[in-house]
Amino acid sequence: MAFEQLPNLPNLAVPQRLRSQPHVGGIQAPFRFNTVPFRFHPGIVAQAFGTLGALFPQRMILGVGTGEHLNEGALGIAWPDNKERFARLREAVRLIKSLWTEQSVTFDGEYYHTRNATIYDRPDKPIPIYIGAGGPQVAKYAGRAGDGLICTSGKGMELYTEQLLPSFAEGAAAEGRDASRLDRMIEVKVSFDTDRARALEDTKIWAALALPADVKAGVDDPREMERLARGVEDVAHRRWLVSSDPDEHIEQLRPYVELGFDHLVFHSPTNDQARFLALYGKEILPRIRKRWA
């Protein structure tokens, strides 16, 4: 049983991904890219995705967010505060949309500028832009300006029921949009294996997820992140849906489906991704489709 989408890792560089165009073209499923407005000018992102959208119409999704210090710091980028990163995101999205819909765009923002810029290869219908949000402010913006919301699981259900989804709906309503017609994507952190002990052990590979946000926010050295992560390996499993039983695992997924998330992106921590894909494709995906298709 095949997966229906192929999302990429958010810390890969957009222009380099274009080298994969022939391979992307052979995938008969929507393909989601993530990027952030730091390493590349939004004009470069717009050009890259305009090409992809023209080559593979209605099969691309652009996911954007405010970035992560661990990914950006390696390039010596001065890491701004949340306010500036959010402002950069909003400005980048505005510019990308302009470049996809207008000719000869001259743009003078606070952070980005263009002079008579034109994207010559672009799809007839702009690529959907999904906006990653970890809090209500950005979720509200996603409802106002995005075609979808992206968030991650395992942070307490009240985050979704009381903050992210209501703010997303509020933002959409402010623009006269129906939030139920916008996509809601969640990256679900799952550690499923027929061997429960192995499923638990695998979560230690991504123990950094168990660190408080304020502890890891300023870390830009992966060795330091690994050191910090070793201190929370015993509680790493708390961020994951850990199971060795398919029916139990479906029940673990149920709350997210019932909240209205219509795009489930499964993230497994294991080093043996081929094993995960085979197991999940055999044991879990058919059950998901049977119950909620």
C-alpha atoms as a PDB file:
ATOM      1  CA  MET A   1       0.000   0.000   0.000  1.00  0.00           C
ATOM      2  CA  ALA A   2       1.686   3.176  -1.192  1.00  0.00           C
ATOM      3  CA  PHE A   3       2.062   6.502   0.529  1.00  0.00           C
ATOM      4  CA  GLU A   4       0.185   9.286  -1.273  1.00  0.00           C
ATOM      5  CA  GLN A   5       2.644  12.160  -0.808  1.00  0.00           C
ATOM      6  CA  LEU A   6       6.385  12.533  -0.692  1.00  0.00           C
ATOM      7  CA  PRO A   7       7.388  15.409   1.576  1.00  0.00           C
ATOM      8  CA  ASN A   8      11.027  16.369   1.798  1.00  0.00           C
ATOM      9  CA  LEU A   9      13.160  17.354   4.748  1.00  0.00           C
ATOM     10  CA  PRO A  10      12.840  21.060   5.552  1.00  0.00           C
ATOM     11  CA  ASN A  11      16.576  21.697   5.883  1.00  0.00           C
ATOM     12  CA  LEU A  12      17.532  21.003   2.267  1.00  0.00           C
ATOM     13  CA  ALA A  13      18.327  23.794  -0.146  1.00  0.00           C
ATOM     14  CA  VAL A  14      15.763  24.747  -2.772  1.00  0.00           C
ATOM     15  CA  PRO A  15      17.958  25.320  -5.872  1.00  0.00           C
ATOM     16  CA  GLN A  16      19.797  22.047  -5.312  1.00  0.00           C
ATOM     17  CA  ARG A  17      16.457  20.257  -5.283  1.00  0.00           C
ATOM     18  CA  LEU A  18      15.886  21.291  -8.873  1.00  0.00           C
ATOM     19  CA  ARG A  19      18.530  18.769  -9.836  1.00  0.00           C
ATOM     20  CA  SER A  20      15.962  16.155  -8.824  1.00  0.00           C
ATOM     21  CA  GLN A  21      13.352  17.326 -11.330  1.00  0.00           C
ATOM     22  CA  PRO A  22      13.523  14.188 -13.518  1.00  0.00           C
ATOM     23  CA  HIS A  23      13.074  12.026 -10.419  1.00  0.00           C
ATOM     24  CA  VAL A  24      10.225  14.153  -9.088  1.00  0.00           C
ATOM     25  CA  GLY A  25       8.516  13.827 -12.445  1.00  0.00           C
ATOM     26  CA  GLY A  26       8.453  10.060 -12.064  1.00  0.00           C
ATOM     27  CA  ILE A  27       6.615  10.191  -8.745  1.00  0.00           C
ATOM     28  CA  GLN A  28       2.885   9.836  -9.254  1.00  0.00           C
ATOM     29  CA  ALA A  29       1.917  11.756  -6.118  1.00  0.00           C
ATOM     30  CA  PRO A  30       1.920  15.306  -4.791  1.00  0.00           C
ATOM     31  CA  PHE A  31       5.373  16.434  -3.789  1.00  0.00           C
ATOM     32  CA  ARG A  32       5.845  18.893  -0.943  1.00  0.00           C
ATOM     33  CA  PHE A  33       8.897  21.083  -0.475  1.00  0.00           C
ATOM     34  CA  ASN A  34       9.679  23.157   2.583  1.00  0.00           C
ATOM     35  CA  THR A  35      11.787  26.266   2.671  1.00  0.00           C
ATOM     36  CA  VAL A  36      12.424  29.292   4.843  1.00  0.00           C
ATOM     37  CA  PRO A  37      13.156  32.896   3.794  1.00  0.00           C
ATOM     38  CA  PHE A  38      16.751  33.128   5.005  1.00  0.00           C
ATOM     39  CA  ARG A  39      19.182  31.167   2.860  1.00  0.00           C
ATOM     40  CA  PHE A  40      17.582  32.181  -0.412  1.00  0.00           C
ATOM     41  CA  HIS A  41      15.944  35.317  -1.686  1.00  0.00           C
ATOM     42  CA  PRO A  42      12.183  34.772  -2.171  1.00  0.00           C
ATOM     43  CA  GLY A  43      12.675  35.605  -5.840  1.00  0.00           C
ATOM     44  CA  ILE A  44      14.918  32.562  -6.215  1.00  0.00           C
ATOM     45  CA  VAL A  45      12.339  30.403  -4.434  1.00  0.00           C
ATOM     46  CA  ALA A  46       9.577  31.761  -6.673  1.00  0.00           C
ATOM     47  CA  GLN A  47      11.627  31.022  -9.793  1.00  0.00           C
ATOM     48  CA  ALA A  48      12.490  27.486  -8.654  1.00  0.00           C
ATOM     49  CA  PHE A  49       8.934  26.591  -7.795  1.00  0.00           C
ATOM     50  CA  GLY A  50       7.572  28.325 -10.854  1.00  0.00           C
ATOM     51  CA  THR A  51       9.675  25.936 -12.929  1.00  0.00           C
ATOM     52  CA  LEU A  52       8.571  22.919 -10.900  1.00  0.00           C
ATOM     53  CA  GLY A  53       4.939  23.976 -11.099  1.00  0.00           C
ATOM     54  CA  ALA A  54       5.159  24.402 -14.858  1.00  0.00           C
ATOM     55  CA  LEU A  55       6.836  21.014 -15.311  1.00  0.00           C
ATOM     56  CA  PHE A  56       4.542  19.144 -12.909  1.00  0.00           C
ATOM     57  CA  PRO A  57       1.268  21.075 -12.656  1.00  0.00           C
ATOM     58  CA  GLN A  58      -0.936  20.519  -9.591  1.00  0.00           C
ATOM     59  CA  ARG A  59       1.657  18.245  -8.007  1.00  0.00           C
ATOM     60  CA  MET A  60       3.682  20.750  -6.013  1.00  0.00           C
ATOM     61  CA  ILE A  61       3.131  22.305  -2.611  1.00  0.00           C
ATOM     62  CA  LEU A  62       5.427  24.957  -1.166  1.00  0.00           C
ATOM     63  CA  GLY A  63       5.721  24.849   2.605  1.00  0.00           C
ATOM     64  CA  VAL A  64       7.239  27.862   4.341  1.00  0.00           C
ATOM     65  CA  GLY A  65       8.099  28.704   7.914  1.00  0.00           C
ATOM     66  CA  THR A  66      10.144  30.999  10.128  1.00  0.00           C
ATOM     67  CA  GLY A  67      13.197  28.733  10.192  1.00  0.00           C
ATOM     68  CA  GLU A  68      15.323  26.938  12.755  1.00  0.00           C
ATOM     69  CA  HIS A  69      18.630  28.153  14.134  1.00  0.00           C
ATOM     70  CA  LEU A  70      20.298  24.747  13.866  1.00  0.00           C
ATOM     71  CA  ASN A  71      19.678  24.708  10.115  1.00  0.00           C
ATOM     72  CA  GLU A  72      20.432  28.338   9.338  1.00  0.00           C
ATOM     73  CA  GLY A  73      23.330  29.003  11.713  1.00  0.00           C
ATOM     74  CA  ALA A  74      25.702  26.754   9.787  1.00  0.00           C
ATOM     75  CA  LEU A  75      25.843  29.436   7.081  1.00  0.00           C
ATOM     76  CA  GLY A  76      26.826  32.136   9.547  1.00  0.00           C
ATOM     77  CA  ILE A  77      23.425  33.797   9.327  1.00  0.00           C
ATOM     78  CA  ALA A  78      22.741  36.143  12.222  1.00  0.00           C
ATOM     79  CA  TRP A  79      19.694  34.652  13.897  1.00  0.00           C
ATOM     80  CA  PRO A  80      16.954  37.266  14.403  1.00  0.00           C
ATOM     81  CA  ASP A  81      14.232  37.198  17.039  1.00  0.00           C
ATOM     82  CA  ASN A  82      10.770  35.758  16.485  1.00  0.00           C
ATOM     83  CA  LYS A  83       9.302  39.122  15.499  1.00  0.00           C
ATOM     84  CA  GLU A  84      11.755  39.667  12.657  1.00  0.00           C
ATOM     85  CA  ARG A  85      11.552  36.088  11.430  1.00  0.00           C
ATOM     86  CA  PHE A  86       7.769  36.328  11.256  1.00  0.00           C
ATOM     87  CA  ALA A  87       8.023  39.651   9.424  1.00  0.00           C
ATOM     88  CA  ARG A  88      10.460  38.118   6.937  1.00  0.00           C
ATOM     89  CA  LEU A  89       8.089  35.221   6.353  1.00  0.00           C
ATOM     90  CA  ARG A  90       5.131  37.497   5.636  1.00  0.00           C
ATOM     91  CA  GLU A  91       7.160  39.664   3.289  1.00  0.00           C
ATOM     92  CA  ALA A  92       8.590  36.629   1.485  1.00  0.00           C
ATOM     93  CA  VAL A  93       5.145  35.128   0.900  1.00  0.00           C
ATOM     94  CA  ARG A  94       3.841  38.446  -0.424  1.00  0.00           C
ATOM     95  CA  LEU A  95       6.732  38.727  -2.866  1.00  0.00           C
ATOM     96  CA  ILE A  96       6.487  35.118  -4.049  1.00  0.00           C
ATOM     97  CA  LYS A  97       2.787  35.546  -4.779  1.00  0.00           C
ATOM     98  CA  SER A  98       3.453  38.743  -6.708  1.00  0.00           C
ATOM     99  CA  LEU A  99       6.109  37.079  -8.832  1.00  0.00           C
ATOM    100  CA  TRP A 100       3.763  34.209  -9.670  1.00  0.00           C
ATOM    101  CA  THR A 101       0.906  36.475 -10.768  1.00  0.00           C
ATOM    102  CA  GLU A 102       2.447  39.684 -12.120  1.00  0.00           C
ATOM    103  CA  GLN A 103       4.904  40.783 -14.776  1.00  0.00           C
ATOM    104  CA  SER A 104       7.918  43.001 -14.115  1.00  0.00           C
ATOM    105  CA  VAL A 105       7.686  43.143 -10.335  1.00  0.00           C
ATOM    106  CA  THR A 106       9.491  45.950  -8.540  1.00  0.00           C
ATOM    107  CA  PHE A 107       9.302  45.283  -4.829  1.00  0.00           C
ATOM    108  CA  ASP A 108      10.757  47.335  -2.005  1.00  0.00           C
ATOM    109  CA  GLY A 109      10.188  45.657   1.305  1.00  0.00           C
ATOM    110  CA  GLU A 110      12.008  45.941   4.583  1.00  0.00           C
ATOM    111  CA  TYR A 111      14.058  42.806   3.904  1.00  0.00           C
ATOM    112  CA  TYR A 112      13.700  41.922   0.216  1.00  0.00           C
ATOM    113  CA  HIS A 113      13.867  43.874  -3.029  1.00  0.00           C
ATOM    114  CA  THR A 114      13.385  43.208  -6.734  1.00  0.00           C
ATOM    115  CA  ARG A 115      13.725  45.385  -9.840  1.00  0.00           C
ATOM    116  CA  ASN A 116      11.524  44.585 -12.834  1.00  0.00           C
ATOM    117  CA  ALA A 117      11.663  40.887 -11.947  1.00  0.00           C
ATOM    118  CA  THR A 118       9.684  38.427 -14.065  1.00  0.00           C
ATOM    119  CA  ILE A 119       9.234  34.683 -13.613  1.00  0.00           C
ATOM    120  CA  TYR A 120       8.944  33.395 -17.168  1.00  0.00           C
ATOM    121  CA  ASP A 121       8.218  29.747 -16.399  1.00  0.00           C
ATOM    122  CA  ARG A 122       5.318  29.420 -14.018  1.00  0.00           C
ATOM    123  CA  PRO A 123       2.177  27.305 -13.783  1.00  0.00           C
ATOM    124  CA  ASP A 124      -1.213  28.568 -14.923  1.00  0.00           C
ATOM    125  CA  LYS A 125      -2.421  28.081 -11.355  1.00  0.00           C
ATOM    126  CA  PRO A 126      -0.093  29.220  -8.557  1.00  0.00           C
ATOM    127  CA  ILE A 127       1.422  26.517  -6.366  1.00  0.00           C
ATOM    128  CA  PRO A 128      -0.372  26.195  -3.012  1.00  0.00           C
ATOM    129  CA  ILE A 129       1.581  27.724  -0.137  1.00  0.00           C
ATOM    130  CA  TYR A 130       1.295  25.969   3.211  1.00  0.00           C
ATOM    131  CA  ILE A 131       2.503  27.857   6.268  1.00  0.00           C
ATOM    132  CA  GLY A 132       4.131  26.110   9.204  1.00  0.00           C
ATOM    133  CA  ALA A 133       2.930  27.309  12.618  1.00  0.00           C
ATOM    134  CA  GLY A 134       3.800  26.365  16.171  1.00  0.00           C
ATOM    135  CA  GLY A 135       1.684  29.030  17.849  1.00  0.00           C
ATOM    136  CA  PRO A 136      -1.551  30.969  17.386  1.00  0.00           C
ATOM    137  CA  GLN A 137      -0.080  34.119  15.811  1.00  0.00           C
ATOM    138  CA  VAL A 138       1.449  32.348  12.822  1.00  0.00           C
ATOM    139  CA  ALA A 139      -1.541  29.975  12.600  1.00  0.00           C
ATOM    140  CA  LYS A 140      -3.815  33.004  12.244  1.00  0.00           C
ATOM    141  CA  TYR A 141      -1.574  34.335   9.494  1.00  0.00           C
ATOM    142  CA  ALA A 142      -1.725  30.936   7.758  1.00  0.00           C
ATOM    143  CA  GLY A 143      -5.500  31.252   7.689  1.00  0.00           C
ATOM    144  CA  ARG A 144      -5.272  34.754   6.231  1.00  0.00           C
ATOM    145  CA  ALA A 145      -2.574  34.246   3.622  1.00  0.00           C
ATOM    146  CA  GLY A 146      -1.908  30.538   3.148  1.00  0.00           C
ATOM    147  CA  ASP A 147      -3.537  27.715   1.267  1.00  0.00           C
ATOM    148  CA  GLY A 148      -2.904  25.370   4.170  1.00  0.00           C
ATOM    149  CA  LEU A 149      -1.539  24.998   7.686  1.00  0.00           C
ATOM    150  CA  ILE A 150       1.414  22.798   8.706  1.00  0.00           C
ATOM    151  CA  CYS A 151       2.094  21.756  12.295  1.00  0.00           C
ATOM    152  CA  THR A 152       3.596  18.826  14.173  1.00  0.00           C
ATOM    153  CA  SER A 153       2.125  16.313  16.603  1.00  0.00           C
ATOM    154  CA  GLY A 154       2.943  15.391  20.158  1.00  0.00           C
ATOM    155  CA  LYS A 155       2.668  18.778  21.846  1.00  0.00           C
ATOM    156  CA  GLY A 156      -0.525  18.284  23.835  1.00  0.00           C
ATOM    157  CA  MET A 157      -3.970  18.229  22.259  1.00  0.00           C
ATOM    158  CA  GLU A 158      -4.903  21.590  23.763  1.00  0.00           C
ATOM    159  CA  LEU A 159      -2.378  23.265  21.463  1.00  0.00           C
ATOM    160  CA  TYR A 160      -4.434  22.166  18.467  1.00  0.00           C
ATOM    161  CA  THR A 161      -7.930  22.467  19.943  1.00  0.00           C
ATOM    162  CA  GLU A 162      -7.453  25.772  21.777  1.00  0.00           C
ATOM    163  CA  GLN A 163      -4.785  27.615  19.785  1.00  0.00           C
ATOM    164  CA  LEU A 164      -3.692  26.470  16.334  1.00  0.00           C
ATOM    165  CA  LEU A 165      -6.952  25.402  14.703  1.00  0.00           C
ATOM    166  CA  PRO A 166      -9.136  28.181  16.183  1.00  0.00           C
ATOM    167  CA  SER A 167      -6.541  30.801  15.199  1.00  0.00           C
ATOM    168  CA  PHE A 168      -6.297  29.323  11.702  1.00  0.00           C
ATOM    169  CA  ALA A 169     -10.080  29.559  11.351  1.00  0.00           C
ATOM    170  CA  GLU A 170     -10.088  33.105  12.748  1.00  0.00           C
ATOM    171  CA  GLY A 171      -7.481  34.233  10.251  1.00  0.00           C
ATOM    172  CA  ALA A 172      -9.396  32.698   7.366  1.00  0.00           C
ATOM    173  CA  ALA A 173     -12.662  34.322   8.475  1.00  0.00           C
ATOM    174  CA  ALA A 174     -10.973  37.733   8.665  1.00  0.00           C
ATOM    175  CA  GLU A 175     -10.265  37.437   4.933  1.00  0.00           C
ATOM    176  CA  GLY A 176     -13.715  36.098   4.091  1.00  0.00           C
ATOM    177  CA  ARG A 177     -12.379  32.598   3.617  1.00  0.00           C
ATOM    178  CA  ASP A 178     -13.824  29.282   4.772  1.00  0.00           C
ATOM    179  CA  ALA A 179     -11.174  27.492   6.857  1.00  0.00           C
ATOM    180  CA  SER A 180     -12.821  24.144   6.189  1.00  0.00           C
ATOM    181  CA  ARG A 181     -11.831  24.545   2.528  1.00  0.00           C
ATOM    182  CA  LEU A 182      -8.167  25.085   3.405  1.00  0.00           C
ATOM    183  CA  ASP A 183      -5.825  22.177   3.964  1.00  0.00           C
ATOM    184  CA  ARG A 184      -4.626  21.197   7.431  1.00  0.00           C
ATOM    185  CA  MET A 185      -1.414  19.191   7.377  1.00  0.00           C
ATOM    186  CA  ILE A 186       0.212  17.644  10.421  1.00  0.00           C
ATOM    187  CA  GLU A 187       3.534  15.872  10.661  1.00  0.00           C
ATOM    188  CA  VAL A 188       2.697  12.929  12.911  1.00  0.00           C
ATOM    189  CA  LYS A 189       5.650  11.551  14.803  1.00  0.00           C
ATOM    190  CA  VAL A 190       5.213   7.785  14.796  1.00  0.00           C
ATOM    191  CA  SER A 191       7.469   4.984  15.988  1.00  0.00           C
ATOM    192  CA  PHE A 192       5.786   1.801  14.840  1.00  0.00           C
ATOM    193  CA  ASP A 193       7.472  -1.581  14.779  1.00  0.00           C
ATOM    194  CA  THR A 194       6.436  -5.164  15.408  1.00  0.00           C
ATOM    195  CA  ASP A 195       9.040  -5.096  18.185  1.00  0.00           C
ATOM    196  CA  ARG A 196       7.847  -2.570  20.783  1.00  0.00           C
ATOM    197  CA  ALA A 197      11.240  -2.399  22.485  1.00  0.00           C
ATOM    198  CA  ARG A 198      12.768  -1.417  19.154  1.00  0.00           C
ATOM    199  CA  ALA A 199      10.076   1.190  18.577  1.00  0.00           C
ATOM    200  CA  LEU A 200      10.872   2.761  21.952  1.00  0.00           C
ATOM    201  CA  GLU A 201      14.618   2.611  21.382  1.00  0.00           C
ATOM    202  CA  ASP A 202      14.286   4.283  17.985  1.00  0.00           C
ATOM    203  CA  THR A 203      12.828   7.438  19.542  1.00  0.00           C
ATOM    204  CA  LYS A 204      16.175   8.121  21.228  1.00  0.00           C
ATOM    205  CA  ILE A 205      17.622   8.957  17.814  1.00  0.00           C
ATOM    206  CA  TRP A 206      15.404  12.056  17.818  1.00  0.00           C
ATOM    207  CA  ALA A 207      15.643  12.773  21.541  1.00  0.00           C
ATOM    208  CA  ALA A 208      16.265  16.453  20.812  1.00  0.00           C
ATOM    209  CA  LEU A 209      12.527  16.811  20.211  1.00  0.00           C
ATOM    210  CA  ALA A 210      12.033  16.283  23.935  1.00  0.00           C
ATOM    211  CA  LEU A 211      14.111  19.354  24.784  1.00  0.00           C
ATOM    212  CA  PRO A 212      12.203  22.488  25.845  1.00  0.00           C
ATOM    213  CA  ALA A 213      11.957  25.056  23.065  1.00  0.00           C
ATOM    214  CA  ASP A 214      13.905  27.670  25.004  1.00  0.00           C
ATOM    215  CA  VAL A 215      16.793  25.239  25.528  1.00  0.00           C
ATOM    216  CA  LYS A 216      17.346  24.440  21.857  1.00  0.00           C
ATOM    217  CA  ALA A 217      16.289  27.747  20.273  1.00  0.00           C
ATOM    218  CA  GLY A 218      19.775  29.252  20.374  1.00  0.00           C
ATOM    219  CA  VAL A 219      21.732  26.120  19.462  1.00  0.00           C
ATOM    220  CA  ASP A 220      23.414  26.170  16.051  1.00  0.00           C
ATOM    221  CA  ASP A 221      26.003  23.410  16.592  1.00  0.00           C
ATOM    222  CA  PRO A 222      24.697  19.866  15.970  1.00  0.00           C
ATOM    223  CA  ARG A 223      27.267  18.457  18.391  1.00  0.00           C
ATOM    224  CA  GLU A 224      25.859  20.600  21.168  1.00  0.00           C
ATOM    225  CA  MET A 225      22.337  19.523  20.213  1.00  0.00           C
ATOM    226  CA  GLU A 226      23.409  15.889  20.417  1.00  0.00           C
ATOM    227  CA  ARG A 227      24.940  16.492  23.826  1.00  0.00           C
ATOM    228  CA  LEU A 228      21.755  18.076  25.117  1.00  0.00           C
ATOM    229  CA  ALA A 229      19.639  15.339  23.568  1.00  0.00           C
ATOM    230  CA  ARG A 230      21.516  12.590  25.400  1.00  0.00           C
ATOM    231  CA  GLY A 231      20.243  14.065  28.642  1.00  0.00           C
ATOM    232  CA  VAL A 232      16.591  13.480  27.687  1.00  0.00           C
ATOM    233  CA  GLU A 233      16.793  10.108  25.948  1.00  0.00           C
ATOM    234  CA  ASP A 234      14.773   8.487  28.722  1.00  0.00           C
ATOM    235  CA  VAL A 235      11.767  10.692  27.942  1.00  0.00           C
ATOM    236  CA  ALA A 236      12.203  10.925  24.156  1.00  0.00           C
ATOM    237  CA  HIS A 237       9.278   8.569  23.560  1.00  0.00           C
ATOM    238  CA  ARG A 238       6.809  11.146  24.915  1.00  0.00           C
ATOM    239  CA  ARG A 239       6.855  13.078  21.639  1.00  0.00           C
ATOM    240  CA  TRP A 240       6.033   9.974  19.605  1.00  0.00           C
ATOM    241  CA  LEU A 241       3.123   7.650  19.009  1.00  0.00           C
ATOM    242  CA  VAL A 242       4.883   4.421  19.986  1.00  0.00           C
ATOM    243  CA  SER A 243       3.240   1.113  19.191  1.00  0.00           C
ATOM    244  CA  SER A 244       3.753  -2.448  18.026  1.00  0.00           C
ATOM    245  CA  ASP A 245       0.031  -3.116  17.586  1.00  0.00           C
ATOM    246  CA  PRO A 246      -1.690  -1.856  14.399  1.00  0.00           C
ATOM    247  CA  ASP A 247      -5.122  -1.399  15.975  1.00  0.00           C
ATOM    248  CA  GLU A 248      -3.656   0.459  18.937  1.00  0.00           C
ATOM    249  CA  HIS A 249      -1.746   2.694  16.551  1.00  0.00           C
ATOM    250  CA  ILE A 250      -4.893   3.570  14.615  1.00  0.00           C
ATOM    251  CA  GLU A 251      -6.433   4.701  17.890  1.00  0.00           C
ATOM    252  CA  GLN A 252      -3.370   6.840  18.540  1.00  0.00           C
ATOM    253  CA  LEU A 253      -3.885   8.550  15.186  1.00  0.00           C
ATOM    254  CA  ARG A 254      -7.634   8.978  15.607  1.00  0.00           C
ATOM    255  CA  PRO A 255      -7.610  12.254  17.616  1.00  0.00           C
ATOM    256  CA  TYR A 256      -5.691  14.069  14.868  1.00  0.00           C
ATOM    257  CA  VAL A 257      -8.014  12.840  12.137  1.00  0.00           C
ATOM    258  CA  GLU A 258     -11.064  13.802  14.176  1.00  0.00           C
ATOM    259  CA  LEU A 259      -9.674  17.304  14.691  1.00  0.00           C
ATOM    260  CA  GLY A 260      -9.893  17.754  10.924  1.00  0.00           C
ATOM    261  CA  PHE A 261      -6.310  17.275   9.804  1.00  0.00           C
ATOM    262  CA  ASP A 262      -6.662  16.047   6.236  1.00  0.00           C
ATOM    263  CA  HIS A 263      -2.967  15.617   5.325  1.00  0.00           C
ATOM    264  CA  LEU A 264      -1.059  13.255   7.581  1.00  0.00           C
ATOM    265  CA  VAL A 265       2.710  13.251   7.087  1.00  0.00           C
ATOM    266  CA  PHE A 266       4.319  10.356   8.947  1.00  0.00           C
ATOM    267  CA  HIS A 267       7.744  10.911  10.457  1.00  0.00           C
ATOM    268  CA  SER A 268       9.508   7.840  11.822  1.00  0.00           C
ATOM    269  CA  PRO A 269      12.672   8.192  13.934  1.00  0.00           C
ATOM    270  CA  THR A 270      14.222   4.888  12.922  1.00  0.00           C
ATOM    271  CA  ASN A 271      17.521   4.605  11.077  1.00  0.00           C
ATOM    272  CA  ASP A 272      15.970   1.834   8.976  1.00  0.00           C
ATOM    273  CA  GLN A 273      13.530   3.797   6.893  1.00  0.00           C
ATOM    274  CA  ALA A 274      13.034   0.977   4.389  1.00  0.00           C
ATOM    275  CA  ARG A 275      11.781  -1.250   7.216  1.00  0.00           C
ATOM    276  CA  PHE A 276       9.435   1.475   8.425  1.00  0.00           C
ATOM    277  CA  LEU A 277       8.008   2.121   4.963  1.00  0.00           C
ATOM    278  CA  ALA A 278       7.379  -1.574   4.400  1.00  0.00           C
ATOM    279  CA  LEU A 279       5.761  -2.121   7.806  1.00  0.00           C
ATOM    280  CA  TYR A 280       3.671   1.020   7.696  1.00  0.00           C
ATOM    281  CA  GLY A 281       2.593   0.382   4.131  1.00  0.00           C
ATOM    282  CA  LYS A 282       1.508  -3.141   5.025  1.00  0.00           C
ATOM    283  CA  GLU A 283       0.040  -2.767   8.507  1.00  0.00           C
ATOM    284  CA  ILE A 284      -1.123   0.824   8.952  1.00  0.00           C
ATOM    285  CA  LEU A 285      -1.997   2.545   5.681  1.00  0.00           C
ATOM    286  CA  PRO A 286      -4.684  -0.005   4.678  1.00  0.00           C
ATOM    287  CA  ARG A 287      -6.309   0.409   8.095  1.00  0.00           C
ATOM    288  CA  ILE A 288      -6.250   4.204   7.791  1.00  0.00           C
ATOM    289  CA  ARG A 289      -7.929   4.071   4.396  1.00  0.00           C
ATOM    290  CA  LYS A 290     -10.482   1.504   5.525  1.00  0.00           C
ATOM    291  CA  ARG A 291     -11.502   3.595   8.508  1.00  0.00           C
ATOM    292  CA  TRP A 292     -11.350   7.122   7.139  1.00  0.00           C
ATOM    293  CA  ALA A 293     -11.267   6.960   3.334  1.00  0.00           C
END
